[in-house]
Amino acid sequence: MNNEGLPGKPAKLSVSPEDDIPEALRDTPDIKNRSWLKPVLLIGGLLGLGAIALGISLFVLIPKPQPTEISSQPSTPPSPSPVATDNVLGHLPYNEAPASELQPITADGQIKLRRSA
């Protein structure tokens, strides 16, 4: 009988245990030469810079139209400006609350509000 497969008894191997697991080898892919990338970036960059320079020069060199005055109609006096109110961005000013009406709302007492608030 062949008892090599039974547990408890080591099987006799013709290959040493060190050679049982194969060594892991990396497959290194061939690196493609990207020589076309540099000229494309160079040409694209130069075209971009040229477009920016052209845009700036056209903006500066194109004359702006001058507004023409029409003097055939008599000039009307400007309408009076509305009376300025004491509001800032639509917020009306309020009188400062007297210190006797203020109550501290924080533990250190730095922030105070009226009791009614």
C-alpha atoms as a PDB file:
ATOM      1  CA  MET A   1       0.000   0.000   0.000  1.00  0.00           C
ATOM      2  CA  ASN A   2       1.038   3.517  -0.674  1.00  0.00           C
ATOM      3  CA  ASN A   3       0.773   5.649   2.491  1.00  0.00           C
ATOM      4  CA  GLU A   4       2.160   8.872   1.061  1.00  0.00           C
ATOM      5  CA  GLY A   5      -1.211  10.630   1.133  1.00  0.00           C
ATOM      6  CA  LEU A   6      -2.064   9.779   4.741  1.00  0.00           C
ATOM      7  CA  PRO A   7      -1.828  12.471   7.393  1.00  0.00           C
ATOM      8  CA  GLY A   8       0.819  12.151  10.033  1.00  0.00           C
ATOM      9  CA  LYS A   9       3.540  10.893   7.787  1.00  0.00           C
ATOM     10  CA  PRO A  10       5.442  13.351   5.620  1.00  0.00           C
ATOM     11  CA  ALA A  11       5.402  12.501   1.981  1.00  0.00           C
ATOM     12  CA  LYS A  12       8.704  11.931   0.309  1.00  0.00           C
ATOM     13  CA  LEU A  13       9.145  14.615  -2.290  1.00  0.00           C
ATOM     14  CA  SER A  14      11.593  14.525  -5.092  1.00  0.00           C
ATOM     15  CA  VAL A  15      11.727  18.353  -5.059  1.00  0.00           C
ATOM     16  CA  SER A  16      13.195  20.162  -2.064  1.00  0.00           C
ATOM     17  CA  PRO A  17      10.718  22.292   0.003  1.00  0.00           C
ATOM     18  CA  GLU A  18      12.527  25.508  -0.970  1.00  0.00           C
ATOM     19  CA  ASP A  19      11.646  24.938  -4.608  1.00  0.00           C
ATOM     20  CA  ASP A  20       7.998  24.183  -3.861  1.00  0.00           C
ATOM     21  CA  ILE A  21       6.872  27.828  -4.172  1.00  0.00           C
ATOM     22  CA  PRO A  22       8.013  29.533  -7.355  1.00  0.00           C
ATOM     23  CA  GLU A  23       9.788  32.838  -7.111  1.00  0.00           C
ATOM     24  CA  ALA A  24       7.654  35.853  -7.971  1.00  0.00           C
ATOM     25  CA  LEU A  25       8.986  37.703 -10.975  1.00  0.00           C
ATOM     26  CA  ARG A  26       7.693  41.038 -12.170  1.00  0.00           C
ATOM     27  CA  ASP A  27       6.745  41.547 -15.744  1.00  0.00           C
ATOM     28  CA  THR A  28       8.226  44.866 -16.737  1.00  0.00           C
ATOM     29  CA  PRO A  29       6.260  46.386 -19.596  1.00  0.00           C
ATOM     30  CA  ASP A  30       8.153  47.989 -22.397  1.00  0.00           C
ATOM     31  CA  ILE A  31       8.218  51.736 -21.869  1.00  0.00           C
ATOM     32  CA  LYS A  32       7.050  53.481 -24.992  1.00  0.00           C
ATOM     33  CA  ASN A  33       9.051  56.458 -26.015  1.00  0.00           C
ATOM     34  CA  ARG A  34       6.922  59.578 -25.618  1.00  0.00           C
ATOM     35  CA  SER A  35       9.010  61.704 -27.883  1.00  0.00           C
ATOM     36  CA  TRP A  36       5.906  63.085 -29.633  1.00  0.00           C
ATOM     37  CA  LEU A  37       4.569  64.517 -26.350  1.00  0.00           C
ATOM     38  CA  LYS A  38       7.192  67.236 -25.964  1.00  0.00           C
ATOM     39  CA  PRO A  39       6.746  68.813 -29.419  1.00  0.00           C
ATOM     40  CA  VAL A  40       2.961  68.749 -29.044  1.00  0.00           C
ATOM     41  CA  LEU A  41       3.149  70.517 -25.685  1.00  0.00           C
ATOM     42  CA  LEU A  42       5.652  73.014 -27.035  1.00  0.00           C
ATOM     43  CA  ILE A  43       3.551  73.846 -30.089  1.00  0.00           C
ATOM     44  CA  GLY A  44       0.358  74.014 -28.022  1.00  0.00           C
ATOM     45  CA  GLY A  45       1.973  76.304 -25.472  1.00  0.00           C
ATOM     46  CA  LEU A  46       3.315  78.626 -28.147  1.00  0.00           C
ATOM     47  CA  LEU A  47      -0.072  78.780 -29.861  1.00  0.00           C
ATOM     48  CA  GLY A  48      -1.739  79.561 -26.533  1.00  0.00           C
ATOM     49  CA  LEU A  49       0.715  82.340 -25.744  1.00  0.00           C
ATOM     50  CA  GLY A  50       0.256  83.744 -29.235  1.00  0.00           C
ATOM     51  CA  ALA A  51      -3.517  83.762 -28.828  1.00  0.00           C
ATOM     52  CA  ILE A  52      -3.222  85.583 -25.501  1.00  0.00           C
ATOM     53  CA  ALA A  53      -0.829  88.153 -26.987  1.00  0.00           C
ATOM     54  CA  LEU A  54      -3.140  88.685 -29.967  1.00  0.00           C
ATOM     55  CA  GLY A  55      -6.146  89.197 -27.710  1.00  0.00           C
ATOM     56  CA  ILE A  56      -4.341  91.734 -25.546  1.00  0.00           C
ATOM     57  CA  SER A  57      -3.009  93.657 -28.535  1.00  0.00           C
ATOM     58  CA  LEU A  58      -6.446  93.782 -30.180  1.00  0.00           C
ATOM     59  CA  PHE A  59      -7.987  95.009 -26.938  1.00  0.00           C
ATOM     60  CA  VAL A  60      -5.430  97.795 -26.651  1.00  0.00           C
ATOM     61  CA  LEU A  61      -5.207  98.838 -30.302  1.00  0.00           C
ATOM     62  CA  ILE A  62      -8.879  98.895 -31.347  1.00  0.00           C
ATOM     63  CA  PRO A  63     -10.140 102.470 -30.954  1.00  0.00           C
ATOM     64  CA  LYS A  64     -13.106 102.925 -28.696  1.00  0.00           C
ATOM     65  CA  PRO A  65     -16.081 104.825 -30.155  1.00  0.00           C
ATOM     66  CA  GLN A  66     -16.395 108.368 -28.858  1.00  0.00           C
ATOM     67  CA  PRO A  67     -19.835 109.385 -27.601  1.00  0.00           C
ATOM     68  CA  THR A  68     -21.389 112.134 -29.705  1.00  0.00           C
ATOM     69  CA  GLU A  69     -23.241 115.003 -28.116  1.00  0.00           C
ATOM     70  CA  ILE A  70     -26.607 116.017 -29.470  1.00  0.00           C
ATOM     71  CA  SER A  71     -26.954 119.763 -29.047  1.00  0.00           C
ATOM     72  CA  SER A  72     -30.212 120.182 -30.976  1.00  0.00           C
ATOM     73  CA  GLN A  73     -32.343 119.707 -27.866  1.00  0.00           C
ATOM     74  CA  PRO A  74     -32.098 122.126 -24.996  1.00  0.00           C
ATOM     75  CA  SER A  75     -30.510 120.590 -21.980  1.00  0.00           C
ATOM     76  CA  THR A  76     -32.865 119.949 -19.111  1.00  0.00           C
ATOM     77  CA  PRO A  77     -31.659 120.600 -15.606  1.00  0.00           C
ATOM     78  CA  PRO A  78     -30.970 117.450 -13.669  1.00  0.00           C
ATOM     79  CA  SER A  79     -33.734 116.389 -11.335  1.00  0.00           C
ATOM     80  CA  PRO A  80     -33.001 117.019  -7.693  1.00  0.00           C
ATOM     81  CA  SER A  81     -31.597 114.024  -5.911  1.00  0.00           C
ATOM     82  CA  PRO A  82     -33.737 112.493  -3.181  1.00  0.00           C
ATOM     83  CA  VAL A  83     -33.007 113.508   0.367  1.00  0.00           C
ATOM     84  CA  ALA A  84     -30.412 111.239   1.905  1.00  0.00           C
ATOM     85  CA  THR A  85     -31.654 109.208   4.844  1.00  0.00           C
ATOM     86  CA  ASP A  86     -29.537 107.991   7.703  1.00  0.00           C
ATOM     87  CA  ASN A  87     -29.728 104.351   6.763  1.00  0.00           C
ATOM     88  CA  VAL A  88     -26.952 102.020   5.772  1.00  0.00           C
ATOM     89  CA  LEU A  89     -27.932  99.421   3.192  1.00  0.00           C
ATOM     90  CA  GLY A  90     -31.581  99.757   4.184  1.00  0.00           C
ATOM     91  CA  HIS A  91     -30.966  99.442   7.928  1.00  0.00           C
ATOM     92  CA  LEU A  92     -32.309 102.293  10.022  1.00  0.00           C
ATOM     93  CA  PRO A  93     -30.269 103.586  12.946  1.00  0.00           C
ATOM     94  CA  TYR A  94     -31.453 102.929  16.485  1.00  0.00           C
ATOM     95  CA  ASN A  95     -30.681 104.787  19.657  1.00  0.00           C
ATOM     96  CA  GLU A  96     -28.208 103.138  21.995  1.00  0.00           C
ATOM     97  CA  ALA A  97     -29.850 101.277  24.863  1.00  0.00           C
ATOM     98  CA  PRO A  98     -29.216 102.675  28.341  1.00  0.00           C
ATOM     99  CA  ALA A  99     -26.894 100.572  30.504  1.00  0.00           C
ATOM    100  CA  SER A 100     -29.622 100.091  33.121  1.00  0.00           C
ATOM    101  CA  GLU A 101     -31.730  98.082  30.635  1.00  0.00           C
ATOM    102  CA  LEU A 102     -28.904  95.742  29.588  1.00  0.00           C
ATOM    103  CA  GLN A 103     -28.487  92.246  30.979  1.00  0.00           C
ATOM    104  CA  PRO A 104     -25.447  89.978  30.324  1.00  0.00           C
ATOM    105  CA  ILE A 105     -26.223  86.896  28.229  1.00  0.00           C
ATOM    106  CA  THR A 106     -22.803  85.224  28.334  1.00  0.00           C
ATOM    107  CA  ALA A 107     -20.913  83.785  31.285  1.00  0.00           C
ATOM    108  CA  ASP A 108     -18.174  86.415  31.125  1.00  0.00           C
ATOM    109  CA  GLY A 109     -20.689  89.265  30.729  1.00  0.00           C
ATOM    110  CA  GLN A 110     -19.139  90.773  27.596  1.00  0.00           C
ATOM    111  CA  ILE A 111     -22.290  90.463  25.477  1.00  0.00           C
ATOM    112  CA  LYS A 112     -25.391  92.209  26.798  1.00  0.00           C
ATOM    113  CA  LEU A 113     -28.948  92.563  25.511  1.00  0.00           C
ATOM    114  CA  ARG A 114     -32.051  94.349  26.667  1.00  0.00           C
ATOM    115  CA  ARG A 115     -34.219  92.353  29.034  1.00  0.00           C
ATOM    116  CA  SER A 116     -37.107  92.499  26.566  1.00  0.00           C
ATOM    117  CA  ALA A 117     -34.996  90.924  23.850  1.00  0.00           C
END
